[in-house]
Amino acid sequence: MPKTVNTELPAEGEYLYNTEEKLFPDIKAKPGQKAYVFIHTVPFEGSVALVNLLTSTRLVRKGFDVSIVLYGPAVLLASGTRGYPTVGKEGFPGNLAINNQIKTLINEGAKIYACRFAMGALYGFREDDLIPGVIPFNPLDVLDIALTSWQEGAFQLNTWTV
């Protein structure tokens, strides 16, 4: 059967969607409100890690005191030794998007934590290999960070992928 519907591609810059309509209020943090973002995902296996970091950046910019907890394979997101052919060089455009977003978060006041157990026992990844400003933590703190968040009544976002 031959094709029966023909349409022209829209020109570059044309809008296909209503980008101005927003259905929910633009909520800002009240003074002292906190957000905890727990990330347990394999870096670069999908968009989850980068989307969570971008969401965390929005939370910071909405006024929340943001803490990001990297555990399991997500500790590799905080690698300060990434790059090709040299450290800090992008092997392809966007290759260092995660590193750059983590640096943006730190510069804008977020606290980023990386689990020592995952770093050492799973990956042989040294504390000295972390992006400057990322804080290593004891694996027993994963639960206590979650409980702290709960006791504080903080917003909590959890993402698990394997």
N, C-alpha and C. Protein backbone atom coordinates (compact mmCIF):
# COMPACT_ATOMS: atom_id res chain seq x y z
N MET A 1 0.85 -1.17 0.00
CA MET A 1 0.00 0.00 0.00
C MET A 1 0.89 1.23 0.00
N PRO A 2 0.70 2.15 -0.90
CA PRO A 2 1.51 3.37 -0.90
C PRO A 2 1.10 4.32 0.22
N LYS A 3 1.99 5.16 0.57
CA LYS A 3 1.74 6.18 1.59
C LYS A 3 0.61 7.09 1.12
N THR A 4 -0.32 7.40 2.05
CA THR A 4 -1.48 8.21 1.65
C THR A 4 -1.55 9.57 2.33
N VAL A 5 -0.73 9.81 3.32
CA VAL A 5 -0.74 11.09 4.02
C VAL A 5 0.63 11.73 3.87
N ASN A 6 0.64 12.94 3.40
CA ASN A 6 1.88 13.69 3.24
C ASN A 6 1.75 15.01 3.99
N THR A 7 2.73 15.32 4.82
CA THR A 7 2.75 16.60 5.53
C THR A 7 4.15 17.17 5.43
N GLU A 8 4.22 18.47 5.51
CA GLU A 8 5.52 19.13 5.49
C GLU A 8 6.07 19.19 6.90
N LEU A 9 7.37 19.08 7.02
CA LEU A 9 8.01 19.27 8.32
C LEU A 9 7.90 20.73 8.71
N PRO A 10 7.69 21.01 9.98
CA PRO A 10 7.68 22.41 10.42
C PRO A 10 9.08 23.02 10.27
N ALA A 11 9.10 24.31 10.10
CA ALA A 11 10.38 25.01 9.98
C ALA A 11 11.05 25.09 11.34
N GLU A 12 12.34 25.12 11.34
CA GLU A 12 13.10 25.25 12.59
C GLU A 12 12.66 26.52 13.32
N GLY A 13 12.40 26.39 14.63
CA GLY A 13 11.96 27.52 15.43
C GLY A 13 10.46 27.63 15.59
N GLU A 14 9.70 26.86 14.80
CA GLU A 14 8.25 26.87 14.95
C GLU A 14 7.85 26.07 16.18
N TYR A 15 6.79 26.52 16.85
CA TYR A 15 6.31 25.85 18.05
C TYR A 15 5.29 24.77 17.68
N LEU A 16 5.48 23.58 18.22
CA LEU A 16 4.51 22.49 18.04
C LEU A 16 3.64 22.32 19.28
N TYR A 17 4.04 22.96 20.38
CA TYR A 17 3.36 22.78 21.66
C TYR A 17 3.20 24.13 22.34
N ASN A 18 2.21 24.21 23.21
CA ASN A 18 2.00 25.39 24.02
C ASN A 18 3.00 25.32 25.17
N THR A 19 4.06 26.07 25.06
CA THR A 19 5.11 26.02 26.08
C THR A 19 4.88 27.02 27.21
N GLU A 20 3.83 27.84 27.10
CA GLU A 20 3.57 28.84 28.14
C GLU A 20 2.51 28.39 29.15
N GLU A 21 1.62 27.48 28.77
CA GLU A 21 0.58 27.03 29.68
C GLU A 21 1.18 26.17 30.78
N LYS A 22 0.87 26.52 32.02
CA LYS A 22 1.32 25.76 33.18
C LYS A 22 0.09 25.45 34.00
N LEU A 23 -0.10 24.18 34.36
CA LEU A 23 -1.33 23.77 35.02
C LEU A 23 -1.27 23.85 36.54
N PHE A 24 -0.08 23.81 37.09
CA PHE A 24 0.06 23.81 38.54
C PHE A 24 0.84 25.04 39.00
N PRO A 25 0.64 25.46 40.25
CA PRO A 25 1.33 26.66 40.74
C PRO A 25 2.84 26.45 40.77
N ASP A 26 3.56 27.55 40.60
CA ASP A 26 5.02 27.53 40.67
C ASP A 26 5.42 27.65 42.14
N ILE A 27 5.57 26.52 42.78
CA ILE A 27 5.84 26.49 44.23
C ILE A 27 7.30 26.83 44.50
N LYS A 28 7.51 27.70 45.45
CA LYS A 28 8.85 28.06 45.93
C LYS A 28 8.97 27.55 47.37
N ALA A 29 10.19 27.27 47.78
CA ALA A 29 10.41 26.79 49.15
C ALA A 29 10.15 27.92 50.14
N LYS A 30 9.61 27.54 51.27
CA LYS A 30 9.52 28.47 52.38
C LYS A 30 10.88 28.44 53.09
N PRO A 31 11.23 29.51 53.80
CA PRO A 31 12.54 29.53 54.47
C PRO A 31 12.79 28.26 55.29
N GLY A 32 13.95 27.64 55.06
CA GLY A 32 14.34 26.46 55.81
C GLY A 32 13.86 25.13 55.26
N GLN A 33 13.02 25.14 54.22
CA GLN A 33 12.54 23.87 53.69
C GLN A 33 13.67 23.13 52.96
N LYS A 34 13.64 21.81 53.10
CA LYS A 34 14.71 20.98 52.56
C LYS A 34 14.16 19.98 51.56
N ALA A 35 15.06 19.49 50.72
CA ALA A 35 14.75 18.43 49.77
C ALA A 35 15.93 17.46 49.74
N TYR A 36 15.62 16.18 49.74
CA TYR A 36 16.63 15.13 49.65
C TYR A 36 16.36 14.33 48.38
N VAL A 37 17.39 14.16 47.58
CA VAL A 37 17.28 13.40 46.34
C VAL A 37 18.22 12.21 46.44
N PHE A 38 17.63 11.02 46.45
CA PHE A 38 18.40 9.78 46.56
C PHE A 38 18.51 9.18 45.16
N ILE A 39 19.75 8.93 44.72
CA ILE A 39 19.96 8.40 43.37
C ILE A 39 20.76 7.10 43.47
N HIS A 40 20.18 6.03 42.95
CA HIS A 40 20.82 4.71 42.88
C HIS A 40 20.62 4.24 41.45
N THR A 41 21.54 4.60 40.57
CA THR A 41 21.38 4.29 39.15
C THR A 41 22.73 4.14 38.49
N VAL A 42 22.76 3.41 37.40
CA VAL A 42 23.99 3.22 36.64
C VAL A 42 24.19 4.44 35.75
N PRO A 43 25.33 5.13 35.90
CA PRO A 43 25.57 6.31 35.06
C PRO A 43 25.52 5.98 33.57
N PHE A 44 24.92 6.84 32.81
CA PHE A 44 24.90 6.78 31.35
C PHE A 44 24.10 5.62 30.78
N GLU A 45 23.38 4.86 31.61
CA GLU A 45 22.55 3.76 31.11
C GLU A 45 21.16 4.26 30.72
N GLY A 46 20.92 5.48 30.94
CA GLY A 46 19.64 6.10 30.61
C GLY A 46 19.70 7.54 31.05
N SER A 47 18.57 8.19 31.05
CA SER A 47 18.55 9.61 31.38
C SER A 47 18.25 9.88 32.85
N VAL A 48 18.00 8.84 33.65
CA VAL A 48 17.55 9.02 35.03
C VAL A 48 18.49 9.90 35.84
N ALA A 49 19.77 9.62 35.79
CA ALA A 49 20.73 10.37 36.61
C ALA A 49 20.73 11.85 36.23
N LEU A 50 20.83 12.13 34.95
CA LEU A 50 20.88 13.52 34.52
C LEU A 50 19.56 14.23 34.82
N VAL A 51 18.44 13.57 34.60
CA VAL A 51 17.14 14.17 34.90
C VAL A 51 17.03 14.48 36.40
N ASN A 52 17.50 13.56 37.26
CA ASN A 52 17.47 13.81 38.70
C ASN A 52 18.36 14.98 39.07
N LEU A 53 19.50 15.12 38.44
CA LEU A 53 20.39 16.25 38.73
C LEU A 53 19.77 17.56 38.24
N LEU A 54 19.12 17.53 37.09
CA LEU A 54 18.44 18.73 36.60
C LEU A 54 17.26 19.10 37.50
N THR A 55 16.53 18.09 37.97
CA THR A 55 15.43 18.34 38.92
C THR A 55 15.98 18.91 40.21
N SER A 56 17.10 18.39 40.67
CA SER A 56 17.74 18.91 41.88
C SER A 56 18.13 20.37 41.70
N THR A 57 18.60 20.73 40.51
CA THR A 57 18.96 22.12 40.23
C THR A 57 17.72 23.00 40.31
N ARG A 58 16.60 22.52 39.79
CA ARG A 58 15.34 23.30 39.90
C ARG A 58 14.95 23.48 41.36
N LEU A 59 15.13 22.42 42.17
CA LEU A 59 14.80 22.52 43.59
C LEU A 59 15.65 23.58 44.28
N VAL A 60 16.95 23.60 43.96
CA VAL A 60 17.84 24.62 44.54
C VAL A 60 17.34 26.01 44.14
N ARG A 61 17.01 26.16 42.89
CA ARG A 61 16.60 27.47 42.38
C ARG A 61 15.21 27.88 42.87
N LYS A 62 14.43 26.93 43.38
CA LYS A 62 13.15 27.23 44.01
C LYS A 62 13.33 27.54 45.49
N GLY A 63 14.58 27.51 45.97
CA GLY A 63 14.87 27.91 47.34
C GLY A 63 15.04 26.79 48.35
N PHE A 64 14.98 25.54 47.92
CA PHE A 64 15.15 24.43 48.85
C PHE A 64 16.61 24.22 49.21
N ASP A 65 16.85 23.80 50.43
CA ASP A 65 18.17 23.35 50.88
C ASP A 65 18.26 21.90 50.41
N VAL A 66 19.05 21.64 49.36
CA VAL A 66 19.05 20.35 48.68
C VAL A 66 20.27 19.51 49.07
N SER A 67 19.99 18.24 49.40
CA SER A 67 21.02 17.24 49.64
C SER A 67 20.79 16.10 48.66
N ILE A 68 21.83 15.71 47.95
CA ILE A 68 21.75 14.62 46.98
C ILE A 68 22.59 13.46 47.51
N VAL A 69 21.99 12.29 47.57
CA VAL A 69 22.63 11.10 48.12
C VAL A 69 22.89 10.13 46.97
N LEU A 70 24.18 9.93 46.65
CA LEU A 70 24.59 9.00 45.61
C LEU A 70 25.01 7.71 46.29
N TYR A 71 24.36 6.61 45.94
CA TYR A 71 24.75 5.33 46.51
C TYR A 71 24.60 4.25 45.45
N GLY A 72 25.19 3.07 45.73
CA GLY A 72 25.23 2.04 44.71
C GLY A 72 26.00 2.58 43.51
N PRO A 73 25.61 2.18 42.30
CA PRO A 73 26.37 2.61 41.12
C PRO A 73 26.36 4.12 40.89
N ALA A 74 25.45 4.84 41.53
CA ALA A 74 25.38 6.29 41.32
C ALA A 74 26.60 7.02 41.84
N VAL A 75 27.41 6.39 42.71
CA VAL A 75 28.62 7.08 43.17
C VAL A 75 29.52 7.43 42.00
N LEU A 76 29.43 6.64 40.93
CA LEU A 76 30.27 6.90 39.75
C LEU A 76 29.89 8.20 39.05
N LEU A 77 28.71 8.74 39.35
CA LEU A 77 28.32 10.03 38.78
C LEU A 77 29.29 11.13 39.22
N ALA A 78 29.86 10.96 40.41
CA ALA A 78 30.71 12.00 41.00
C ALA A 78 32.19 11.81 40.68
N SER A 79 32.49 11.08 39.63
CA SER A 79 33.89 10.86 39.26
C SER A 79 34.54 12.15 38.78
N GLY A 80 35.58 12.54 39.47
CA GLY A 80 36.35 13.71 39.06
C GLY A 80 37.45 13.37 38.08
N THR A 81 37.52 12.10 37.67
CA THR A 81 38.57 11.67 36.75
C THR A 81 38.03 11.36 35.36
N ARG A 82 36.78 11.72 35.10
CA ARG A 82 36.16 11.42 33.81
C ARG A 82 36.68 12.36 32.74
N GLY A 83 36.80 11.85 31.54
CA GLY A 83 37.20 12.64 30.37
C GLY A 83 37.97 11.79 29.39
N TYR A 84 38.04 12.27 28.16
CA TYR A 84 38.83 11.58 27.15
C TYR A 84 39.13 12.56 26.03
N PRO A 85 40.34 12.65 25.57
CA PRO A 85 41.51 11.83 25.86
C PRO A 85 42.22 12.20 27.16
N THR A 86 41.80 13.29 27.78
CA THR A 86 42.39 13.66 29.07
C THR A 86 41.27 13.97 30.05
N VAL A 87 41.60 13.99 31.32
CA VAL A 87 40.62 14.31 32.35
C VAL A 87 40.04 15.70 32.07
N GLY A 88 38.72 15.79 32.11
CA GLY A 88 38.05 17.07 31.92
C GLY A 88 37.74 17.41 30.48
N LYS A 89 38.17 16.60 29.53
CA LYS A 89 37.86 16.85 28.11
C LYS A 89 36.71 15.95 27.68
N GLU A 90 35.79 16.52 26.92
CA GLU A 90 34.65 15.73 26.44
C GLU A 90 35.07 14.88 25.25
N GLY A 91 34.86 13.56 25.38
CA GLY A 91 35.14 12.65 24.27
C GLY A 91 34.13 12.82 23.15
N PHE A 92 32.95 13.35 23.48
CA PHE A 92 31.90 13.68 22.52
C PHE A 92 31.02 14.74 23.19
N PRO A 93 30.29 15.54 22.43
CA PRO A 93 29.46 16.59 23.05
C PRO A 93 28.48 16.01 24.07
N GLY A 94 28.49 16.56 25.26
CA GLY A 94 27.60 16.11 26.32
C GLY A 94 28.20 15.03 27.20
N ASN A 95 29.40 14.55 26.87
CA ASN A 95 30.06 13.49 27.63
C ASN A 95 30.23 13.84 29.10
N LEU A 96 30.39 15.11 29.41
CA LEU A 96 30.61 15.54 30.79
C LEU A 96 29.39 16.28 31.36
N ALA A 97 28.22 16.07 30.78
CA ALA A 97 27.02 16.77 31.25
C ALA A 97 26.75 16.49 32.72
N ILE A 98 26.93 15.26 33.16
CA ILE A 98 26.68 14.91 34.56
C ILE A 98 27.69 15.62 35.46
N ASN A 99 28.97 15.56 35.11
CA ASN A 99 29.99 16.25 35.90
C ASN A 99 29.68 17.74 35.99
N ASN A 100 29.33 18.32 34.86
CA ASN A 100 29.05 19.76 34.84
C ASN A 100 27.84 20.10 35.70
N GLN A 101 26.82 19.24 35.69
CA GLN A 101 25.62 19.51 36.49
C GLN A 101 25.93 19.38 37.98
N ILE A 102 26.75 18.41 38.33
CA ILE A 102 27.16 18.26 39.73
C ILE A 102 27.93 19.50 40.19
N LYS A 103 28.82 19.99 39.36
CA LYS A 103 29.57 21.20 39.70
C LYS A 103 28.64 22.40 39.84
N THR A 104 27.64 22.51 38.96
CA THR A 104 26.65 23.58 39.06
C THR A 104 25.90 23.49 40.38
N LEU A 105 25.47 22.29 40.74
CA LEU A 105 24.74 22.09 42.00
C LEU A 105 25.58 22.50 43.20
N ILE A 106 26.83 22.08 43.23
CA ILE A 106 27.71 22.44 44.34
C ILE A 106 27.90 23.96 44.40
N ASN A 107 28.13 24.56 43.23
CA ASN A 107 28.32 26.02 43.18
C ASN A 107 27.09 26.78 43.61
N GLU A 108 25.89 26.19 43.44
CA GLU A 108 24.65 26.85 43.81
C GLU A 108 24.18 26.46 45.21
N GLY A 109 25.00 25.69 45.94
CA GLY A 109 24.71 25.44 47.35
C GLY A 109 24.19 24.07 47.72
N ALA A 110 24.00 23.19 46.76
CA ALA A 110 23.54 21.83 47.10
C ALA A 110 24.68 21.06 47.76
N LYS A 111 24.29 20.11 48.61
CA LYS A 111 25.26 19.19 49.20
C LYS A 111 25.11 17.86 48.50
N ILE A 112 26.23 17.31 48.06
CA ILE A 112 26.21 16.03 47.34
C ILE A 112 27.07 15.04 48.12
N TYR A 113 26.47 13.90 48.41
CA TYR A 113 27.12 12.86 49.21
C TYR A 113 27.31 11.61 48.36
N ALA A 114 28.44 10.90 48.58
CA ALA A 114 28.72 9.65 47.86
C ALA A 114 29.09 8.57 48.88
N CYS A 115 28.49 7.41 48.75
CA CYS A 115 28.65 6.30 49.69
C CYS A 115 30.03 5.64 49.56
N ARG A 116 30.75 5.60 50.67
CA ARG A 116 32.08 4.99 50.69
C ARG A 116 32.04 3.49 50.37
N PHE A 117 31.00 2.79 50.82
CA PHE A 117 30.91 1.36 50.55
C PHE A 117 30.86 1.10 49.05
N ALA A 118 29.96 1.80 48.36
CA ALA A 118 29.84 1.61 46.92
C ALA A 118 31.14 2.01 46.22
N MET A 119 31.75 3.10 46.69
CA MET A 119 33.00 3.54 46.06
C MET A 119 34.08 2.48 46.19
N GLY A 120 34.27 1.96 47.39
CA GLY A 120 35.39 1.05 47.63
C GLY A 120 35.08 -0.40 47.33
N ALA A 121 34.02 -0.93 47.94
CA ALA A 121 33.73 -2.36 47.83
C ALA A 121 33.25 -2.75 46.43
N LEU A 122 32.50 -1.86 45.78
CA LEU A 122 31.96 -2.21 44.47
C LEU A 122 32.85 -1.80 43.31
N TYR A 123 33.50 -0.63 43.43
CA TYR A 123 34.18 -0.08 42.26
C TYR A 123 35.66 0.23 42.44
N GLY A 124 36.22 0.10 43.63
CA GLY A 124 37.62 0.46 43.83
C GLY A 124 37.87 1.92 43.50
N PHE A 125 36.88 2.72 43.82
CA PHE A 125 36.85 4.14 43.49
C PHE A 125 37.28 4.91 44.73
N ARG A 126 38.31 5.70 44.65
CA ARG A 126 38.87 6.38 45.82
C ARG A 126 38.15 7.70 46.13
N GLU A 127 38.17 8.08 47.41
CA GLU A 127 37.60 9.38 47.79
C GLU A 127 38.30 10.50 47.03
N ASP A 128 39.60 10.34 46.80
CA ASP A 128 40.35 11.36 46.07
C ASP A 128 39.91 11.51 44.62
N ASP A 129 39.14 10.53 44.12
CA ASP A 129 38.66 10.58 42.74
C ASP A 129 37.36 11.37 42.59
N LEU A 130 36.77 11.79 43.70
CA LEU A 130 35.50 12.52 43.65
C LEU A 130 35.68 13.95 43.11
N ILE A 131 34.64 14.45 42.49
CA ILE A 131 34.60 15.85 42.10
C ILE A 131 34.77 16.67 43.39
N PRO A 132 35.63 17.67 43.40
CA PRO A 132 35.80 18.48 44.60
C PRO A 132 34.47 19.04 45.10
N GLY A 133 34.24 18.86 46.39
CA GLY A 133 33.00 19.34 47.00
C GLY A 133 32.02 18.22 47.29
N VAL A 134 32.19 17.05 46.66
CA VAL A 134 31.33 15.90 46.95
C VAL A 134 31.81 15.29 48.27
N ILE A 135 30.88 14.96 49.15
CA ILE A 135 31.19 14.52 50.50
C ILE A 135 31.00 13.01 50.62
N PRO A 136 32.08 12.27 50.92
CA PRO A 136 31.91 10.82 51.12
C PRO A 136 31.22 10.54 52.45
N PHE A 137 30.42 9.44 52.50
CA PHE A 137 29.72 9.13 53.74
C PHE A 137 29.72 7.62 54.00
N ASN A 138 29.47 7.27 55.25
CA ASN A 138 29.40 5.89 55.72
C ASN A 138 28.13 5.23 55.16
N PRO A 139 28.19 3.98 54.71
CA PRO A 139 26.99 3.34 54.17
C PRO A 139 25.84 3.23 55.17
N LEU A 140 26.14 3.21 56.47
CA LEU A 140 25.08 3.16 57.46
C LEU A 140 24.26 4.45 57.48
N ASP A 141 24.80 5.49 56.88
CA ASP A 141 24.09 6.77 56.83
C ASP A 141 22.97 6.80 55.80
N VAL A 142 22.91 5.86 54.86
CA VAL A 142 21.83 5.89 53.86
C VAL A 142 20.47 5.90 54.55
N LEU A 143 20.27 4.97 55.45
CA LEU A 143 19.00 4.92 56.17
C LEU A 143 18.82 6.14 57.06
N ASP A 144 19.88 6.55 57.75
CA ASP A 144 19.76 7.70 58.65
C ASP A 144 19.51 9.01 57.91
N ILE A 145 20.03 9.13 56.71
CA ILE A 145 19.72 10.32 55.91
C ILE A 145 18.23 10.31 55.56
N ALA A 146 17.71 9.14 55.16
CA ALA A 146 16.28 9.04 54.83
C ALA A 146 15.43 9.33 56.05
N LEU A 147 15.82 8.82 57.21
CA LEU A 147 15.07 9.08 58.45
C LEU A 147 15.16 10.55 58.85
N THR A 148 16.32 11.16 58.66
CA THR A 148 16.47 12.59 58.93
C THR A 148 15.51 13.38 58.05
N SER A 149 15.46 13.03 56.78
CA SER A 149 14.55 13.69 55.85
C SER A 149 13.11 13.56 56.32
N TRP A 150 12.73 12.36 56.71
CA TRP A 150 11.37 12.11 57.20
C TRP A 150 11.07 12.93 58.45
N GLN A 151 12.01 12.96 59.41
CA GLN A 151 11.79 13.71 60.65
C GLN A 151 11.68 15.21 60.38
N GLU A 152 12.40 15.69 59.38
CA GLU A 152 12.36 17.11 59.05
C GLU A 152 11.14 17.49 58.21
N GLY A 153 10.40 16.48 57.76
CA GLY A 153 9.25 16.75 56.89
C GLY A 153 9.68 17.28 55.53
N ALA A 154 10.85 16.87 55.09
CA ALA A 154 11.41 17.37 53.84
C ALA A 154 10.81 16.65 52.64
N PHE A 155 10.88 17.31 51.49
CA PHE A 155 10.53 16.67 50.24
C PHE A 155 11.59 15.62 49.95
N GLN A 156 11.18 14.45 49.46
CA GLN A 156 12.13 13.39 49.18
C GLN A 156 11.83 12.80 47.81
N LEU A 157 12.87 12.66 46.99
CA LEU A 157 12.76 12.04 45.68
C LEU A 157 13.73 10.86 45.66
N ASN A 158 13.21 9.68 45.34
CA ASN A 158 14.03 8.46 45.31
C ASN A 158 13.97 7.84 43.93
N THR A 159 15.13 7.49 43.39
CA THR A 159 15.18 6.81 42.10
C THR A 159 16.11 5.62 42.20
N TRP A 160 15.57 4.48 41.83
CA TRP A 160 16.34 3.22 41.79
C TRP A 160 16.30 2.66 40.39
N THR A 161 17.45 2.39 39.82
CA THR A 161 17.51 1.59 38.60
C THR A 161 18.71 0.66 38.72
N VAL A 162 18.68 -0.43 38.02
CA VAL A 162 19.82 -1.37 38.03
C VAL A 162 20.11 -1.84 36.63
